[in-house]
């Protein structure tokens, strides 16, 4: 299974970034092998609007089976939902810890966004 995790850095020891749309990176992680690909999200760091939708579109192109993030706003959530990608929020710790917790079933799938638009 492949999960996309919002990340503050470029490796598995980096912290999960609390902001989905403005996370500097997404790590596409194979949950079995922990092999990963770094996907930069730099185009959205200074965007005045639309960062969540653009980030969700970028992530969707990589076809993850799920998204793990700290928080997800309404537009990003709807974009991921339309792509059939489940979102798990309230995720924290390192990327490695988040993936391990996901595998153990610690996180529940989100039913909707957990922050308002333009958060963070």
Protein backbone atom coordinates (compact mmCIF):
# COMPACT_ATOMS: atom_id res chain seq x y z
CA UNK A 1 0.00 0.00 0.00
CA UNK A 2 1.22 3.51 -0.78
CA UNK A 3 0.44 6.45 1.49
CA UNK A 4 1.11 10.14 0.92
CA UNK A 5 2.30 11.94 4.05
CA UNK A 6 2.60 15.73 4.41
CA UNK A 7 6.17 16.32 5.50
CA UNK A 8 8.38 19.11 6.81
CA UNK A 9 11.47 17.39 5.36
CA UNK A 10 12.72 14.92 2.81
CA UNK A 11 13.15 11.68 4.77
CA UNK A 12 11.34 9.27 7.09
CA UNK A 13 12.74 10.97 10.20
CA UNK A 14 11.17 14.30 9.23
CA UNK A 15 8.13 15.51 11.16
CA UNK A 16 4.67 15.20 9.68
CA UNK A 17 3.66 18.70 8.58
CA UNK A 18 0.40 19.80 10.18
CA UNK A 19 -0.63 21.76 7.06
CA UNK A 20 -1.64 19.64 4.09
CA UNK A 21 -1.79 22.39 1.46
CA UNK A 22 1.35 24.21 2.55
CA UNK A 23 3.53 21.27 3.54
CA UNK A 24 6.95 21.70 1.88
CA UNK A 25 6.97 18.04 0.78
CA UNK A 26 4.88 14.94 0.43
CA UNK A 27 6.51 11.57 0.95
CA UNK A 28 4.92 8.72 -1.00
CA UNK A 29 5.71 5.78 1.27
CA UNK A 30 5.31 2.06 0.61
CA UNK A 31 3.90 0.85 3.94
CA UNK A 32 5.51 -2.59 3.64
CA UNK A 33 9.05 -1.71 2.55
CA UNK A 34 9.24 1.93 3.73
CA UNK A 35 10.68 2.83 0.33
CA UNK A 36 9.62 6.38 -0.47
CA UNK A 37 9.58 9.09 -3.09
CA UNK A 38 9.87 12.79 -2.23
CA UNK A 39 7.38 15.06 -3.98
CA UNK A 40 8.15 18.78 -3.51
CA UNK A 41 5.21 21.08 -2.84
CA UNK A 42 7.22 24.30 -3.11
CA UNK A 43 4.84 25.94 -5.60
CA UNK A 44 2.20 26.15 -2.86
CA UNK A 45 4.26 27.49 0.03
CA UNK A 46 3.61 31.15 -0.84
CA UNK A 47 0.36 30.78 -2.79
CA UNK A 48 -2.19 33.37 -1.72
CA UNK A 49 -5.03 30.95 -2.42
CA UNK A 50 -5.70 27.51 -3.86
CA UNK A 51 -2.79 25.78 -2.08
CA UNK A 52 -4.97 22.94 -0.81
CA UNK A 53 -6.53 22.16 -4.18
CA UNK A 54 -3.16 22.32 -5.95
CA UNK A 55 -1.52 20.10 -3.32
CA UNK A 56 -4.38 17.59 -3.53
CA UNK A 57 -4.06 17.51 -7.32
CA UNK A 58 -0.30 16.95 -7.06
CA UNK A 59 -0.79 14.13 -4.55
CA UNK A 60 -3.60 12.55 -6.61
CA UNK A 61 -1.29 12.22 -9.63
CA UNK A 62 0.83 9.78 -7.60
CA UNK A 63 -2.21 7.58 -6.87
CA UNK A 64 -1.72 6.94 -3.14
CA UNK A 65 -4.09 4.61 -1.32
CA UNK A 66 -4.43 7.13 1.55
CA UNK A 67 -3.25 10.55 2.76
CA UNK A 68 -1.82 11.10 6.26
CA UNK A 69 -1.61 14.69 7.49
CA UNK A 70 -2.00 16.88 10.53
CA UNK A 71 -4.95 18.88 9.19
CA UNK A 72 -6.87 19.14 5.92
CA UNK A 73 -9.09 22.01 4.78
CA UNK A 74 -12.39 21.74 2.91
CA UNK A 75 -11.23 22.25 -0.68
CA UNK A 76 -8.28 19.87 -0.40
CA UNK A 77 -10.49 17.31 1.34
CA UNK A 78 -13.13 17.47 -1.41
CA UNK A 79 -10.47 17.18 -4.13
CA UNK A 80 -8.95 14.09 -2.49
CA UNK A 81 -12.39 12.62 -1.83
CA UNK A 82 -13.34 13.10 -5.50
CA UNK A 83 -10.17 11.19 -6.44
CA UNK A 84 -11.22 8.35 -4.13
CA UNK A 85 -8.33 8.88 -1.71
CA UNK A 86 -9.14 8.48 2.01
CA UNK A 87 -7.74 11.17 4.31
CA UNK A 88 -6.45 10.61 7.84
CA UNK A 89 -5.94 13.75 9.96
CA UNK A 90 -4.59 14.44 13.45
CA UNK A 91 -1.40 12.62 12.42
CA UNK A 92 1.82 13.70 14.13
CA UNK A 93 5.34 12.50 14.93
CA UNK A 94 7.88 11.51 12.31
CA UNK A 95 6.91 10.14 8.92
CA UNK A 96 8.18 6.71 10.01
CA UNK A 97 6.07 6.80 13.20
CA UNK A 98 3.00 7.96 11.26
CA UNK A 99 3.29 5.09 8.78
CA UNK A 100 3.78 2.54 11.57
CA UNK A 101 0.78 3.92 13.46
CA UNK A 102 -1.29 3.83 10.26
CA UNK A 103 -0.38 0.17 9.76
CA UNK A 104 -1.45 -0.57 13.35
CA UNK A 105 -4.82 1.10 12.79
CA UNK A 106 -4.20 3.98 15.21
CA UNK A 107 -5.81 6.58 12.92
CA UNK A 108 -9.46 6.74 11.85
CA UNK A 109 -10.43 7.85 8.36
CA UNK A 110 -11.70 11.44 8.39
CA UNK A 111 -15.31 12.12 7.45
CA UNK A 112 -14.59 15.70 6.46
CA UNK A 113 -12.14 18.59 6.75
CA UNK A 114 -10.92 19.37 10.25
CA UNK A 115 -9.97 23.03 9.69
CA UNK A 116 -11.43 25.99 7.80
CA UNK A 117 -9.97 27.12 4.49
CA UNK A 118 -6.82 29.30 4.62
CA UNK A 119 -5.77 27.73 7.93
CA UNK A 120 -2.12 27.81 8.99
